Amino acid sequence: MKKVFASLGIVLLLLGIQARFSSKQAMTASPVQSFKQPNTCQPATPSTCGQLRIDGAGFFDQYGPWVMHGVQFFLPQYGINGRTFWDAEYNQAIQDGSLDYWLGRAQQALYANLLRIFVDLPLASGQQVVIPTSYATLYDFASRANARGMRLGISIHNSDEWTLTSGQQQWIEGMLSYFLERDSLAMLAYINLDNEINNYCDPHHRRDCLANPKQAYLDQAIDWIRQTRALIKARTPQILITVGMSTELIAPAAKGGIANYFLRDQHGVSLASLIDFLAPHNYGGRGLWLITSIREYGYRGPVVLEEYGFPTDPFPGSVHWSEGPAICRINPLFAACFETAPFYVETNLNALRQADYAGGVAWMLADIQEKELPTACDGYSIPSDLWTGLFAVGGSYCNGGTLTRDFGRPKATATRVCFYHINNLELCLQHAALTIQP
């Protein structure tokens, strides 16, 4: 393992700068030379380059243009939720080495510059207020990511509980103060005030909660964003904020979930007017259509494809949920790869390359261990999200879906994301041939 990492070390340092500029969206609205590059700014350590800021349709720091090359970070043993950052679970992951192992995979096989995470806010339990994640845990993780060239994007809300409690307010203010006091706010790229704000009212029929005629839901959702935004901006006006939006729910509007950013509440306020950039989510390869639709509303600010990816199981009878033939790792648009997982990922990556996106976040780093449940492969009992990992985690897989199964090995989808980040297919293929033991 040490030999593998050492041989990649020099290459990683060189590619750390290249990755910032490898996408087509070069963000020429403000030329790099307009920034005075401080001697202390080292792109491999983002905190030295100051807070991200917006200029036109892109992000910048003190070094220059910064394209978001992100991945959603969960530890496989804790599931798709905020448990990775509960204090007890987080400390256990430090002790068993799994935290640093998966951080290494994000850095050294994907060349990510951002980790998107879910953090559970405090909740009431009887007369007690339970705080799952301490400031120290979040700061520790941000520091570990920063040392590996990655900032954090933090999603703090993922339900239809629209009341901002005093305990939640205190935790958010305290968290921001904790980073400010340590001169480390620049380790945070942005805060997402709600993961998918239109996705909580009808889980069985997948109706879009904002686009359907539910004015009360719209008013409450926008009021949550308004209150939380005001809280954050009062303490840290420099931190960027957004809200996630599913674009694949059933909606009556021609532009689907995209239209939700521009709907107005009873006071005439829209989501787009409250946040710093838009963050649509899409898995079906419609990234180019999404940003075209957004621009038709006259919105000219940054747009991040905050979730994209595709599962490689548990529907082995369908080519859609598979890695496809070996050629799909190299050429996912080849005829034999049509509508496989690498095909869908590549279609959205091409949108990120060709349109003026400010970057994207791949969903998700690794498969989730819940896939080991006895009903995993019936195709119905367990959501396909569990197999959306860019890296396999070993153990049992369904027949025909995930072909790359060794623990820690990049799937075909990971190779495509790696190539998008650094534009070096040969190096990404080298990673795919290696099994890095935990």
Protein backbone atom coordinates (compact mmCIF):
# COMPACT_ATOMS: atom_id res chain seq x y z
CA MET A 1 0.00 0.00 0.00
CA LYS A 2 2.77 2.47 0.89
CA LYS A 3 4.46 1.87 -2.46
CA VAL A 4 1.26 2.58 -4.36
CA PHE A 5 0.61 5.82 -2.51
CA ALA A 6 4.23 6.97 -2.80
CA SER A 7 4.32 6.39 -6.54
CA LEU A 8 1.25 8.52 -6.96
CA GLY A 9 2.38 11.32 -4.67
CA ILE A 10 4.21 13.51 -7.19
CA VAL A 11 1.52 12.98 -9.82
CA LEU A 12 -1.17 13.97 -7.32
CA LEU A 13 0.57 17.22 -6.50
CA LEU A 14 0.79 18.14 -10.18
CA LEU A 15 -2.80 17.15 -10.86
CA GLY A 16 -4.07 19.07 -7.85
CA ILE A 17 -3.75 22.29 -9.82
CA GLN A 18 -4.78 20.74 -13.16
CA ALA A 19 -8.05 19.49 -11.69
CA ARG A 20 -9.17 23.05 -10.98
CA PHE A 21 -9.14 23.89 -14.68
CA SER A 22 -9.84 20.56 -16.43
CA SER A 23 -13.50 21.22 -17.23
CA LYS A 24 -14.76 23.22 -20.17
CA GLN A 25 -16.43 25.76 -17.88
CA ALA A 26 -13.25 27.85 -17.49
CA MET A 27 -15.28 30.73 -16.04
CA THR A 28 -13.77 33.45 -18.11
CA ALA A 29 -16.04 36.16 -16.75
CA SER A 30 -13.25 37.18 -14.39
CA PRO A 31 -9.73 36.38 -15.65
CA VAL A 32 -7.33 34.66 -13.30
CA GLN A 33 -4.89 37.53 -13.50
CA SER A 34 -7.45 39.82 -11.85
CA PHE A 35 -6.71 38.03 -8.56
CA LYS A 36 -3.68 38.87 -6.50
CA GLN A 37 -2.39 35.42 -5.60
CA PRO A 38 -1.08 35.49 -2.03
CA ASN A 39 2.12 33.64 -1.23
CA THR A 40 0.23 31.62 1.36
CA CYS A 41 -2.33 30.24 -1.12
CA GLN A 42 -1.65 26.55 -1.81
CA PRO A 43 -4.47 24.89 -3.82
CA ALA A 44 -3.67 21.50 -2.25
CA THR A 45 -4.75 23.03 1.10
CA PRO A 46 -7.99 24.92 0.32
CA SER A 47 -8.14 26.81 3.62
CA THR A 48 -5.06 28.78 2.58
CA CYS A 49 -6.89 30.15 -0.47
CA GLY A 50 -9.75 31.87 1.32
CA GLN A 51 -13.52 31.60 1.15
CA LEU A 52 -15.18 30.58 -2.08
CA ARG A 53 -16.99 33.46 -3.74
CA ILE A 54 -19.18 33.90 -6.78
CA ASP A 55 -18.41 35.86 -9.91
CA GLY A 56 -20.91 35.49 -12.73
CA ALA A 57 -21.78 31.81 -13.21
CA GLY A 58 -18.74 30.40 -11.41
CA PHE A 59 -16.86 30.01 -8.16
CA PHE A 60 -13.49 31.56 -7.34
CA ASP A 61 -11.07 31.58 -4.46
CA GLN A 62 -7.86 33.57 -4.08
CA TYR A 63 -6.07 31.29 -6.52
CA GLY A 64 -8.60 31.77 -9.31
CA PRO A 65 -11.48 29.77 -10.86
CA TRP A 66 -12.65 26.80 -8.80
CA VAL A 67 -14.82 24.11 -10.43
CA MET A 68 -16.68 21.87 -7.99
CA HIS A 69 -15.50 18.25 -8.38
CA GLY A 70 -17.39 16.69 -5.51
CA VAL A 71 -18.57 13.35 -4.19
CA GLN A 72 -21.17 12.51 -1.56
CA PHE A 73 -19.41 11.04 1.50
CA PHE A 74 -20.96 8.27 3.58
CA LEU A 75 -19.12 5.53 5.39
CA PRO A 76 -20.54 2.23 4.03
CA GLN A 77 -21.17 0.78 7.49
CA TYR A 78 -23.49 3.61 8.54
CA GLY A 79 -25.94 3.91 5.64
CA ILE A 80 -27.36 6.77 3.61
CA ASN A 81 -28.02 9.30 6.36
CA GLY A 82 -26.15 11.49 8.81
CA ARG A 83 -24.86 8.68 11.03
CA THR A 84 -21.33 8.89 9.67
CA PHE A 85 -20.98 12.12 11.67
CA TRP A 86 -22.66 11.07 14.89
CA ASP A 87 -19.91 11.44 17.45
CA ALA A 88 -19.72 7.80 18.58
CA GLU A 89 -19.79 6.36 15.05
CA TYR A 90 -17.29 8.93 13.79
CA ASN A 91 -14.83 8.17 16.59
CA GLN A 92 -15.17 4.45 15.92
CA ALA A 93 -14.37 5.05 12.24
CA ILE A 94 -11.21 6.92 13.25
CA GLN A 95 -10.14 4.05 15.46
CA ASP A 96 -10.78 1.29 12.90
CA GLY A 97 -9.13 3.27 10.08
CA SER A 98 -12.20 3.34 7.80
CA LEU A 99 -12.54 7.12 7.90
CA ASP A 100 -9.04 7.81 6.60
CA TYR A 101 -9.27 4.92 4.15
CA TRP A 102 -12.35 6.34 2.39
CA LEU A 103 -10.98 9.87 2.55
CA GLY A 104 -7.98 8.49 0.70
CA ARG A 105 -10.17 6.91 -1.94
CA ALA A 106 -11.94 10.23 -2.56
CA GLN A 107 -8.64 12.07 -2.84
CA GLN A 108 -6.38 9.60 -4.60
CA ALA A 109 -8.72 7.77 -6.97
CA LEU A 110 -11.30 10.49 -7.71
CA TYR A 111 -9.23 13.68 -7.23
CA ALA A 112 -12.26 15.28 -5.58
CA ASN A 113 -12.00 18.82 -4.26
CA LEU A 114 -15.25 18.69 -2.29
CA LEU A 115 -17.03 16.24 0.01
CA ARG A 116 -20.76 16.68 0.40
CA ILE A 117 -22.09 15.40 3.71
CA PHE A 118 -25.34 15.12 5.68
CA VAL A 119 -25.30 16.45 9.25
CA ASP A 120 -28.24 15.86 11.58
CA LEU A 121 -29.39 18.93 13.48
CA PRO A 122 -30.25 18.69 17.19
CA LEU A 123 -33.62 17.09 17.94
CA ALA A 124 -35.88 16.97 20.95
CA SER A 125 -36.24 13.67 22.80
CA GLY A 126 -38.66 14.12 25.67
CA GLN A 127 -37.26 16.85 27.88
CA GLN A 128 -33.78 16.40 26.40
CA VAL A 129 -32.15 17.92 23.30
CA VAL A 130 -30.04 15.34 21.51
CA ILE A 131 -27.01 16.68 19.60
CA PRO A 132 -25.78 13.87 17.29
CA THR A 133 -22.79 15.78 15.90
CA SER A 134 -20.52 17.98 17.97
CA TYR A 135 -18.60 20.93 16.58
CA ALA A 136 -15.37 19.08 17.30
CA THR A 137 -16.40 16.14 15.09
CA LEU A 138 -17.35 18.37 12.20
CA TYR A 139 -14.19 20.43 12.56
CA ASP A 140 -12.03 17.32 12.71
CA PHE A 141 -13.53 15.98 9.51
CA ALA A 142 -13.20 19.34 7.76
CA SER A 143 -9.53 19.46 8.80
CA ARG A 144 -8.86 15.95 7.49
CA ALA A 145 -10.55 16.82 4.19
CA ASN A 146 -8.69 20.12 3.94
CA ALA A 147 -5.34 18.36 4.44
CA ARG A 148 -6.28 16.23 1.42
CA GLY A 149 -7.28 19.13 -0.83
CA MET A 150 -11.05 19.00 -0.25
CA ARG A 151 -13.59 21.47 1.10
CA LEU A 152 -16.96 20.51 2.62
CA GLY A 153 -20.50 21.04 1.39
CA ILE A 154 -22.84 20.48 4.35
CA SER A 155 -26.52 19.55 4.00
CA ILE A 156 -28.32 20.33 7.28
CA HIS A 157 -32.00 19.49 6.63
CA ASN A 158 -33.69 16.48 5.09
CA SER A 159 -37.36 16.35 6.14
CA ASP A 160 -40.63 18.29 6.15
CA GLU A 161 -40.14 19.57 9.73
CA TRP A 162 -40.23 23.26 8.91
CA THR A 163 -39.84 24.64 12.45
CA LEU A 164 -36.39 26.04 13.21
CA THR A 165 -36.09 25.28 16.90
CA SER A 166 -34.03 27.29 19.36
CA GLY A 167 -31.73 24.27 19.81
CA GLN A 168 -31.12 24.09 16.08
CA GLN A 169 -30.48 27.83 15.88
CA GLN A 170 -27.95 27.64 18.69
CA TRP A 171 -26.18 24.67 17.10
CA ILE A 172 -25.90 26.36 13.69
CA GLU A 173 -24.63 29.63 15.20
CA GLY A 174 -22.25 27.74 17.46
CA MET A 175 -20.89 25.66 14.59
CA LEU A 176 -20.17 28.74 12.50
CA SER A 177 -18.53 30.45 15.49
CA TYR A 178 -16.40 27.36 16.14
CA PHE A 179 -14.92 27.57 12.64
CA LEU A 180 -14.59 31.35 12.74
CA GLU A 181 -12.72 31.29 16.04
CA ARG A 182 -10.20 28.92 14.45
CA ASP A 183 -9.93 30.99 11.27
CA SER A 184 -11.13 27.95 9.35
CA LEU A 185 -14.42 28.93 7.74
CA ALA A 186 -12.77 28.61 4.30
CA MET A 187 -12.76 24.83 4.79
CA LEU A 188 -16.54 25.03 4.21
CA ALA A 189 -17.51 25.57 0.58
CA TYR A 190 -21.23 25.94 1.19
CA ILE A 191 -24.21 24.94 3.31
CA ASN A 192 -27.25 23.29 1.76
CA LEU A 193 -30.31 24.34 3.75
CA ASP A 194 -32.41 21.40 2.54
CA ASN A 195 -31.30 18.26 0.68
CA GLU A 196 -34.33 17.90 -1.66
CA ILE A 197 -36.92 20.43 -0.59
CA ASN A 198 -39.61 19.08 -2.95
CA ASN A 199 -39.36 15.41 -1.93
CA TYR A 200 -41.07 14.84 1.44
CA CYS A 201 -44.86 14.88 1.03
CA ASP A 202 -45.55 11.77 -1.08
CA PRO A 203 -42.80 9.12 -0.86
CA HIS A 204 -44.86 6.34 -2.44
CA HIS A 205 -46.09 8.11 -5.58
CA ARG A 206 -43.07 10.39 -6.04
CA ARG A 207 -45.07 13.54 -6.66
CA ASP A 208 -43.27 16.87 -6.62
CA CYS A 209 -44.36 18.57 -3.40
CA LEU A 210 -43.67 22.13 -4.53
CA ALA A 211 -44.97 21.89 -8.09
CA ASN A 212 -48.32 20.38 -7.10
CA PRO A 213 -51.03 22.66 -5.69
CA LYS A 214 -49.95 22.61 -2.04
CA GLN A 215 -49.53 26.28 -1.19
CA ALA A 216 -49.08 25.55 2.51
CA TYR A 217 -46.12 23.24 1.77
CA LEU A 218 -44.57 25.86 -0.53
CA ASP A 219 -45.00 28.64 2.02
CA GLN A 220 -43.55 26.59 4.88
CA ALA A 221 -40.61 25.34 2.81
CA ILE A 222 -39.64 28.81 1.62
CA ASP A 223 -40.06 30.18 5.13
CA TRP A 224 -37.60 27.54 6.41
CA ILE A 225 -35.06 28.69 3.83
CA ARG A 226 -35.68 32.34 4.65
CA GLN A 227 -35.18 31.84 8.40
CA THR A 228 -32.14 29.59 8.10
CA ARG A 229 -30.55 31.83 5.50
CA ALA A 230 -31.00 34.89 7.74
CA LEU A 231 -29.46 33.02 10.67
CA ILE A 232 -26.37 31.97 8.71
CA LYS A 233 -25.85 35.22 6.84
CA ALA A 234 -26.13 37.29 10.03
CA ARG A 235 -23.14 35.44 11.48
CA THR A 236 -21.19 34.58 8.31
CA PRO A 237 -22.34 36.57 5.28
CA GLN A 238 -19.42 35.14 3.29
CA ILE A 239 -20.59 31.51 3.44
CA LEU A 240 -22.45 30.33 0.32
CA ILE A 241 -25.85 28.71 0.69
CA THR A 242 -28.11 26.67 -1.57
CA VAL A 243 -31.04 24.26 -1.52
CA GLY A 244 -31.23 20.91 -3.33
CA MET A 245 -34.02 20.05 -5.77
CA SER A 246 -35.03 16.69 -7.20
CA THR A 247 -35.76 17.03 -10.93
CA GLU A 248 -37.18 13.53 -11.38
CA LEU A 249 -40.43 13.69 -9.43
CA ILE A 250 -43.85 13.84 -11.07
CA ALA A 251 -44.68 17.50 -11.66
CA PRO A 252 -47.33 19.23 -13.80
CA ALA A 253 -45.03 22.05 -14.93
CA ALA A 254 -43.27 21.58 -18.27
CA LYS A 255 -39.93 22.30 -16.64
CA GLY A 256 -40.55 19.96 -13.71
CA GLY A 257 -38.50 20.53 -10.57
CA ILE A 258 -36.50 23.35 -12.14
CA ALA A 259 -39.60 25.55 -12.04
CA ASN A 260 -39.71 25.21 -8.24
CA TYR A 261 -36.76 27.56 -7.78
CA PHE A 262 -38.86 30.34 -9.31
CA LEU A 263 -42.25 29.71 -7.67
CA ARG A 264 -43.30 32.43 -5.24
CA ASP A 265 -44.78 32.07 -1.79
CA GLN A 266 -47.63 34.12 -0.34
CA HIS A 267 -45.22 37.02 0.15
CA GLY A 268 -43.88 36.92 -3.41
CA VAL A 269 -40.54 35.36 -2.39
CA SER A 270 -38.84 32.64 -4.47
CA LEU A 271 -36.13 30.15 -3.53
CA ALA A 272 -33.88 31.52 -6.28
CA SER A 273 -33.97 34.96 -4.64
CA LEU A 274 -32.81 33.60 -1.27
CA ILE A 275 -29.86 31.36 -2.19
CA ASP A 276 -26.44 31.95 -3.71
CA PHE A 277 -26.57 29.20 -6.35
CA LEU A 278 -28.97 26.55 -7.63
CA ALA A 279 -28.38 22.86 -6.90
CA PRO A 280 -30.58 20.52 -8.99
CA HIS A 281 -30.27 16.72 -8.64
CA ASN A 282 -30.55 14.38 -11.63
CA TYR A 283 -29.73 10.74 -12.33
CA GLY A 284 -31.29 10.18 -15.75
CA GLY A 285 -28.75 12.05 -17.85
CA ARG A 286 -30.77 15.25 -18.35
CA GLY A 287 -28.13 17.66 -17.14
CA LEU A 288 -27.94 19.64 -20.37
CA TRP A 289 -31.72 20.11 -20.51
CA LEU A 290 -31.77 21.24 -16.87
CA ILE A 291 -29.33 24.11 -17.21
CA THR A 292 -30.86 25.20 -20.51
CA SER A 293 -34.23 25.39 -18.76
CA ILE A 294 -32.75 27.34 -15.85
CA ARG A 295 -31.20 29.92 -18.16
CA GLU A 296 -34.57 30.36 -19.90
CA TYR A 297 -35.84 31.82 -16.62
CA GLY A 298 -33.17 34.51 -16.91
CA TYR A 299 -31.12 33.14 -14.03
CA ARG A 300 -27.42 33.83 -14.65
CA GLY A 301 -25.84 32.71 -11.38
CA PRO A 302 -23.93 29.48 -10.67
CA VAL A 303 -25.63 26.11 -11.10
CA VAL A 304 -24.21 22.93 -9.54
CA LEU A 305 -25.46 19.46 -10.46
CA GLU A 306 -25.42 18.59 -6.78
CA GLU A 307 -26.35 14.93 -7.20
CA TYR A 308 -25.68 12.73 -10.23
CA GLY A 309 -24.87 9.04 -10.55
CA PHE A 310 -26.60 5.71 -11.21
CA PRO A 311 -26.85 2.35 -9.38
CA THR A 312 -25.28 -0.87 -10.67
CA ASP A 313 -27.82 -3.18 -8.92
CA PRO A 314 -30.26 -4.62 -7.80
CA PHE A 315 -32.11 -5.15 -11.10
CA PRO A 316 -29.83 -7.67 -12.83
CA GLY A 317 -32.43 -8.37 -15.50
CA SER A 318 -32.14 -4.84 -16.83
CA VAL A 319 -29.11 -3.31 -18.50
CA HIS A 320 -29.98 0.04 -16.86
CA TRP A 321 -28.69 -1.08 -13.46
CA SER A 322 -25.38 -2.53 -14.59
CA GLU A 323 -21.79 -1.57 -15.32
CA GLY A 324 -22.20 -3.01 -18.81
CA PRO A 325 -19.34 -4.56 -20.82
CA ALA A 326 -15.72 -3.72 -20.05
CA ILE A 327 -15.68 -1.15 -22.86
CA CYS A 328 -18.10 1.01 -20.84
CA ARG A 329 -15.29 2.00 -18.50
CA ILE A 330 -13.42 3.46 -21.48
CA ASN A 331 -16.23 4.50 -23.82
CA PRO A 332 -19.61 4.61 -22.06
CA LEU A 333 -21.27 6.13 -25.14
CA PHE A 334 -20.43 3.01 -27.20
CA ALA A 335 -23.56 1.30 -28.56
CA ALA A 336 -23.19 -1.70 -26.23
CA CYS A 337 -23.25 0.65 -23.22
CA PHE A 338 -26.49 2.45 -24.08
CA GLU A 339 -28.48 3.20 -20.91
CA THR A 340 -26.09 1.41 -18.56
CA ALA A 341 -24.95 3.11 -15.36
CA PRO A 342 -21.73 4.46 -17.00
CA PHE A 343 -23.84 5.79 -19.88
CA TYR A 344 -26.13 7.81 -17.59
CA VAL A 345 -23.19 9.13 -15.60
CA GLU A 346 -21.29 10.09 -18.74
CA THR A 347 -24.29 11.87 -20.23
CA ASN A 348 -24.47 14.14 -17.20
CA LEU A 349 -20.70 14.56 -17.16
CA ASN A 350 -20.85 15.75 -20.77
CA ALA A 351 -23.39 18.35 -19.65
CA LEU A 352 -20.95 19.49 -16.96
CA ARG A 353 -18.22 19.77 -19.59
CA GLN A 354 -20.26 21.46 -22.30
CA ALA A 355 -22.56 23.84 -20.40
CA ASP A 356 -21.75 26.59 -17.93
CA TYR A 357 -22.21 24.49 -14.82
CA ALA A 358 -20.11 25.48 -11.83
CA GLY A 359 -19.42 21.78 -11.22
CA GLY A 360 -21.13 18.74 -9.76
CA VAL A 361 -21.24 16.21 -6.94
CA ALA A 362 -21.24 12.49 -7.73
CA TRP A 363 -23.57 10.31 -5.69
CA MET A 364 -22.01 8.50 -3.83
CA LEU A 365 -18.54 7.42 -2.71
CA ALA A 366 -19.13 3.72 -1.90
CA ASP A 367 -21.86 1.11 -1.83
CA ILE A 368 -23.71 0.76 1.47
CA GLN A 369 -23.40 -2.39 3.58
CA GLU A 370 -27.18 -2.73 3.91
CA LYS A 371 -26.97 -4.41 0.51
CA GLU A 372 -26.10 -7.60 2.45
CA LEU A 373 -29.70 -7.98 3.66
CA PRO A 374 -31.36 -11.27 2.54
CA THR A 375 -33.88 -9.54 0.23
CA ALA A 376 -31.26 -7.34 -1.45
CA CYS A 377 -31.45 -8.92 -4.88
CA ASP A 378 -35.21 -9.25 -5.38
CA GLY A 379 -35.20 -5.82 -7.02
CA TYR A 380 -38.07 -4.46 -4.93
CA SER A 381 -37.48 -4.66 -1.17
CA ILE A 382 -34.45 -2.38 -0.97
CA PRO A 383 -33.92 0.91 -2.84
CA SER A 384 -31.31 0.83 -5.59
CA ASP A 385 -29.55 3.78 -3.90
CA LEU A 386 -27.47 1.30 -1.88
CA TRP A 387 -25.56 0.30 -5.03
CA THR A 388 -24.91 3.84 -6.31
CA GLY A 389 -21.38 3.83 -4.92
CA LEU A 390 -18.47 4.69 -7.18
CA PHE A 391 -16.44 2.12 -5.22
CA ALA A 392 -17.38 -1.46 -4.44
CA VAL A 393 -17.24 -2.70 -0.85
CA GLY A 394 -16.90 -6.46 -1.36
CA GLY A 395 -19.32 -9.00 0.06
CA SER A 396 -22.43 -10.10 -1.83
CA TYR A 397 -23.67 -8.53 -5.05
CA CYS A 398 -26.61 -9.35 -7.29
CA ASN A 399 -25.97 -11.36 -10.44
CA GLY A 400 -25.26 -9.25 -13.50
CA GLY A 401 -25.34 -5.74 -12.08
CA THR A 402 -22.13 -4.76 -10.31
CA LEU A 403 -19.17 -6.41 -12.02
CA THR A 404 -16.47 -4.62 -10.00
CA ARG A 405 -16.81 -6.15 -6.54
CA ASP A 406 -13.48 -6.05 -4.69
CA PHE A 407 -13.44 -3.87 -1.60
CA GLY A 408 -12.29 -0.35 -2.49
CA ARG A 409 -11.99 -0.93 -6.24
CA PRO A 410 -13.38 1.81 -8.52
CA LYS A 411 -16.38 0.83 -10.63
CA ALA A 412 -16.72 1.95 -14.26
CA THR A 413 -18.71 4.95 -13.02
CA ALA A 414 -15.80 5.96 -10.78
CA THR A 415 -13.41 5.87 -13.72
CA ARG A 416 -15.68 8.24 -15.63
CA VAL A 417 -15.91 10.65 -12.69
CA CYS A 418 -12.13 10.49 -12.21
CA PHE A 419 -11.63 11.28 -15.91
CA TYR A 420 -14.00 14.25 -15.67
CA HIS A 421 -12.02 15.59 -12.72
CA ILE A 422 -8.49 15.31 -14.14
CA ASN A 423 -8.84 14.59 -17.89
CA ASN A 424 -6.32 11.75 -17.67
CA LEU A 425 -7.92 8.43 -18.57
CA GLU A 426 -4.69 6.45 -18.32
CA LEU A 427 -4.17 7.43 -14.69
CA CYS A 428 -7.83 6.73 -13.85
CA LEU A 429 -7.56 3.28 -15.44
CA GLN A 430 -4.47 2.59 -13.34
CA HIS A 431 -6.56 3.19 -10.23
CA ALA A 432 -9.24 0.83 -11.54
CA ALA A 433 -6.62 -1.94 -11.80
CA LEU A 434 -5.47 -1.53 -8.20
CA THR A 435 -7.03 -2.88 -5.04
CA ILE A 436 -5.94 -0.64 -2.17
CA GLN A 437 -6.40 -2.59 1.03
CA PRO A 438 -7.94 -0.84 4.03
